[in-house]
Structure formats: structure tokens, C-alpha cells
Amino acid sequence: MDLSQPSQENVEYMIEGIKNKLKMASAAAMQASAFSVDHYEDILDVYEVAMGSDRLSISQVEALVSELGRLRQK
């Protein structure tokens, strides 16, 4: 998938990938549609951090989830 172009489809793809990578117990509560393309660059940054590591520490997971929470539409 070409993530160089901001689109809602790419946002949803990245959020789903992050949820799978983090094996989030509350993944169902984090709907990809709750994220706007307005935050595309920030979501891409979170996606790249999540996907760029084979293993994430608990503190890394917490930081990524916190950042996703900040980026969610209210």
C-alpha cells in the first residue's frame, strides 16, 4: 500500500496495522474511522514506530496508545 498520499483509507489501514501490532485488548474500542486524515502525518509517525520494531516494551506500547488517544477525534 502506498502510504505517501494522505487518505482516509490509508489512515484506516495504518490504525488497523497498529492495533494488530500492539495486540491491543481494547482494539475494538479504537475504530479506525475515529481518526481523521487531518492527523495523517502524526498517525504515519506512530505507524512507522509500531511497525519498525520486532518487540515493543510495555512503556512503548503505552506511549503509542496514549498518542493514538490524543489523535482520536473527540
N, C-alpha and C. Protein backbone atom coordinates (compact mmCIF):
# COMPACT_ATOMS: atom_id res chain seq x y z
N MET A 1 0.85 -1.18 0.00
CA MET A 1 0.00 0.00 0.00
C MET A 1 0.89 1.24 0.00
N ASP A 2 0.51 2.22 -0.77
CA ASP A 2 1.26 3.47 -0.88
C ASP A 2 0.79 4.43 0.21
N LEU A 3 1.60 4.60 1.23
CA LEU A 3 1.23 5.45 2.36
C LEU A 3 1.75 6.88 2.19
N SER A 4 2.29 7.19 1.02
CA SER A 4 2.84 8.53 0.81
C SER A 4 1.75 9.56 0.57
N GLN A 5 0.54 9.12 0.25
CA GLN A 5 -0.56 10.04 -0.02
C GLN A 5 -1.60 9.99 1.10
N PRO A 6 -1.84 11.12 1.75
CA PRO A 6 -2.86 11.14 2.81
C PRO A 6 -4.25 10.80 2.28
N SER A 7 -4.88 9.83 2.91
CA SER A 7 -6.26 9.50 2.57
C SER A 7 -6.88 8.80 3.77
N GLN A 8 -8.20 8.83 3.85
CA GLN A 8 -8.88 8.16 4.95
C GLN A 8 -8.63 6.65 4.88
N GLU A 9 -8.55 6.12 3.68
CA GLU A 9 -8.27 4.68 3.52
C GLU A 9 -6.90 4.33 4.12
N ASN A 10 -5.90 5.17 3.87
CA ASN A 10 -4.58 4.92 4.42
C ASN A 10 -4.57 5.06 5.94
N VAL A 11 -5.32 6.04 6.47
CA VAL A 11 -5.44 6.20 7.92
C VAL A 11 -6.01 4.93 8.52
N GLU A 12 -7.08 4.42 7.94
CA GLU A 12 -7.71 3.21 8.46
C GLU A 12 -6.77 2.01 8.37
N TYR A 13 -6.03 1.90 7.29
CA TYR A 13 -5.06 0.82 7.12
C TYR A 13 -4.00 0.87 8.22
N MET A 14 -3.47 2.07 8.49
CA MET A 14 -2.43 2.22 9.49
C MET A 14 -2.95 1.94 10.89
N ILE A 15 -4.14 2.42 11.22
CA ILE A 15 -4.72 2.18 12.54
C ILE A 15 -4.93 0.69 12.75
N GLU A 16 -5.43 0.00 11.76
CA GLU A 16 -5.63 -1.45 11.88
C GLU A 16 -4.29 -2.16 12.07
N GLY A 17 -3.27 -1.74 11.34
CA GLY A 17 -1.95 -2.32 11.49
C GLY A 17 -1.37 -2.09 12.87
N ILE A 18 -1.55 -0.89 13.39
CA ILE A 18 -1.06 -0.58 14.73
C ILE A 18 -1.79 -1.43 15.76
N LYS A 19 -3.09 -1.54 15.64
CA LYS A 19 -3.86 -2.34 16.59
C LYS A 19 -3.39 -3.79 16.59
N ASN A 20 -3.16 -4.33 15.41
CA ASN A 20 -2.68 -5.71 15.31
C ASN A 20 -1.28 -5.86 15.90
N LYS A 21 -0.41 -4.91 15.62
CA LYS A 21 0.97 -4.97 16.11
C LYS A 21 1.02 -4.88 17.63
N LEU A 22 0.19 -4.01 18.19
CA LEU A 22 0.20 -3.80 19.63
C LEU A 22 -0.62 -4.86 20.36
N LYS A 23 -1.34 -5.68 19.60
CA LYS A 23 -2.19 -6.72 20.18
C LYS A 23 -3.05 -6.15 21.30
N MET A 24 -3.69 -5.08 20.96
CA MET A 24 -4.46 -4.33 21.96
C MET A 24 -5.71 -5.09 22.39
N ALA A 25 -5.84 -5.24 23.70
CA ALA A 25 -7.01 -5.90 24.25
C ALA A 25 -8.27 -5.08 23.99
N SER A 26 -8.12 -3.78 23.94
CA SER A 26 -9.27 -2.90 23.71
C SER A 26 -9.32 -2.42 22.26
N ALA A 27 -8.80 -3.21 21.36
CA ALA A 27 -8.73 -2.80 19.95
C ALA A 27 -10.10 -2.49 19.39
N ALA A 28 -11.11 -3.20 19.84
CA ALA A 28 -12.46 -2.96 19.32
C ALA A 28 -12.94 -1.56 19.66
N ALA A 29 -12.45 -1.00 20.76
CA ALA A 29 -12.85 0.34 21.17
C ALA A 29 -12.18 1.41 20.31
N MET A 30 -11.14 1.05 19.58
CA MET A 30 -10.42 2.02 18.77
C MET A 30 -10.76 1.80 17.30
N GLN A 31 -11.81 2.45 16.87
CA GLN A 31 -12.26 2.32 15.49
C GLN A 31 -11.42 3.21 14.58
N ALA A 32 -10.98 2.65 13.47
CA ALA A 32 -10.16 3.42 12.52
C ALA A 32 -10.90 4.65 12.02
N SER A 33 -12.21 4.57 11.93
CA SER A 33 -13.00 5.71 11.44
C SER A 33 -12.99 6.89 12.42
N ALA A 34 -12.49 6.68 13.63
CA ALA A 34 -12.41 7.75 14.62
C ALA A 34 -11.20 8.65 14.41
N PHE A 35 -10.41 8.36 13.40
CA PHE A 35 -9.20 9.12 13.12
C PHE A 35 -9.37 9.86 11.80
N SER A 36 -8.93 11.11 11.81
CA SER A 36 -9.09 11.97 10.64
C SER A 36 -7.80 12.05 9.84
N VAL A 37 -7.96 12.23 8.55
CA VAL A 37 -6.83 12.43 7.67
C VAL A 37 -6.10 13.73 8.02
N ASP A 38 -6.73 14.60 8.80
CA ASP A 38 -6.08 15.84 9.25
C ASP A 38 -4.84 15.55 10.08
N HIS A 39 -4.80 14.39 10.73
CA HIS A 39 -3.67 13.99 11.56
C HIS A 39 -2.80 12.94 10.87
N TYR A 40 -2.84 12.94 9.55
CA TYR A 40 -2.17 11.89 8.78
C TYR A 40 -0.70 11.72 9.13
N GLU A 41 0.05 12.80 9.16
CA GLU A 41 1.50 12.72 9.42
C GLU A 41 1.78 12.14 10.79
N ASP A 42 0.99 12.55 11.80
CA ASP A 42 1.18 12.03 13.15
C ASP A 42 0.85 10.54 13.22
N ILE A 43 -0.21 10.14 12.54
CA ILE A 43 -0.59 8.72 12.52
C ILE A 43 0.48 7.92 11.79
N LEU A 44 1.01 8.46 10.70
CA LEU A 44 2.08 7.80 9.97
C LEU A 44 3.30 7.61 10.87
N ASP A 45 3.63 8.61 11.67
CA ASP A 45 4.76 8.50 12.60
C ASP A 45 4.53 7.37 13.60
N VAL A 46 3.34 7.29 14.18
CA VAL A 46 3.02 6.22 15.13
C VAL A 46 3.10 4.87 14.44
N TYR A 47 2.57 4.79 13.23
CA TYR A 47 2.59 3.55 12.45
C TYR A 47 4.03 3.09 12.20
N GLU A 48 4.88 4.01 11.80
CA GLU A 48 6.27 3.66 11.50
C GLU A 48 7.01 3.19 12.75
N VAL A 49 6.75 3.81 13.89
CA VAL A 49 7.37 3.37 15.14
C VAL A 49 6.88 1.97 15.50
N ALA A 50 5.57 1.77 15.42
CA ALA A 50 4.99 0.47 15.78
C ALA A 50 5.49 -0.64 14.88
N MET A 51 5.55 -0.38 13.60
CA MET A 51 5.93 -1.42 12.64
C MET A 51 7.44 -1.60 12.54
N GLY A 52 8.19 -0.62 13.00
CA GLY A 52 9.63 -0.65 12.86
C GLY A 52 10.35 -1.47 13.92
N SER A 53 9.63 -2.02 14.85
CA SER A 53 10.25 -2.77 15.93
C SER A 53 9.66 -4.17 16.01
N ASP A 54 10.54 -5.16 16.19
CA ASP A 54 10.05 -6.53 16.35
C ASP A 54 9.34 -6.70 17.68
N ARG A 55 9.88 -6.04 18.69
CA ARG A 55 9.31 -6.12 20.03
C ARG A 55 9.18 -4.72 20.60
N LEU A 56 8.06 -4.48 21.24
CA LEU A 56 7.83 -3.20 21.89
C LEU A 56 7.71 -3.43 23.38
N SER A 57 8.35 -2.54 24.15
CA SER A 57 8.24 -2.64 25.60
C SER A 57 6.86 -2.16 26.04
N ILE A 58 6.52 -2.47 27.27
CA ILE A 58 5.25 -2.01 27.82
C ILE A 58 5.16 -0.49 27.77
N SER A 59 6.25 0.19 28.11
CA SER A 59 6.23 1.66 28.10
C SER A 59 6.08 2.19 26.67
N GLN A 60 6.66 1.52 25.69
CA GLN A 60 6.49 1.94 24.30
C GLN A 60 5.03 1.77 23.86
N VAL A 61 4.44 0.63 24.21
CA VAL A 61 3.04 0.38 23.87
C VAL A 61 2.16 1.45 24.51
N GLU A 62 2.40 1.73 25.79
CA GLU A 62 1.61 2.75 26.48
C GLU A 62 1.76 4.11 25.82
N ALA A 63 2.97 4.46 25.41
CA ALA A 63 3.20 5.75 24.75
C ALA A 63 2.47 5.82 23.42
N LEU A 64 2.52 4.74 22.65
CA LEU A 64 1.84 4.72 21.35
C LEU A 64 0.33 4.81 21.52
N VAL A 65 -0.20 4.08 22.48
CA VAL A 65 -1.64 4.11 22.73
C VAL A 65 -2.06 5.50 23.21
N SER A 66 -1.25 6.10 24.04
CA SER A 66 -1.53 7.46 24.52
C SER A 66 -1.56 8.44 23.35
N GLU A 67 -0.61 8.31 22.45
CA GLU A 67 -0.55 9.20 21.28
C GLU A 67 -1.76 8.98 20.38
N LEU A 68 -2.17 7.74 20.20
CA LEU A 68 -3.36 7.46 19.40
C LEU A 68 -4.59 8.08 20.06
N GLY A 69 -4.66 8.00 21.37
CA GLY A 69 -5.77 8.61 22.09
C GLY A 69 -5.83 10.11 21.86
N ARG A 70 -4.68 10.73 21.83
CA ARG A 70 -4.61 12.17 21.57
C ARG A 70 -5.08 12.52 20.16
N LEU A 71 -4.81 11.62 19.22
CA LEU A 71 -5.14 11.89 17.82
C LEU A 71 -6.58 11.55 17.44
N ARG A 72 -7.24 10.80 18.30
CA ARG A 72 -8.64 10.44 18.00
C ARG A 72 -9.52 11.67 17.96
N GLN A 73 -10.52 11.63 17.09
CA GLN A 73 -11.48 12.71 17.03
C GLN A 73 -12.37 12.63 18.26
N LYS A 74 -12.63 13.75 18.82
CA LYS A 74 -13.48 13.80 20.03
C LYS A 74 -14.93 13.69 19.66
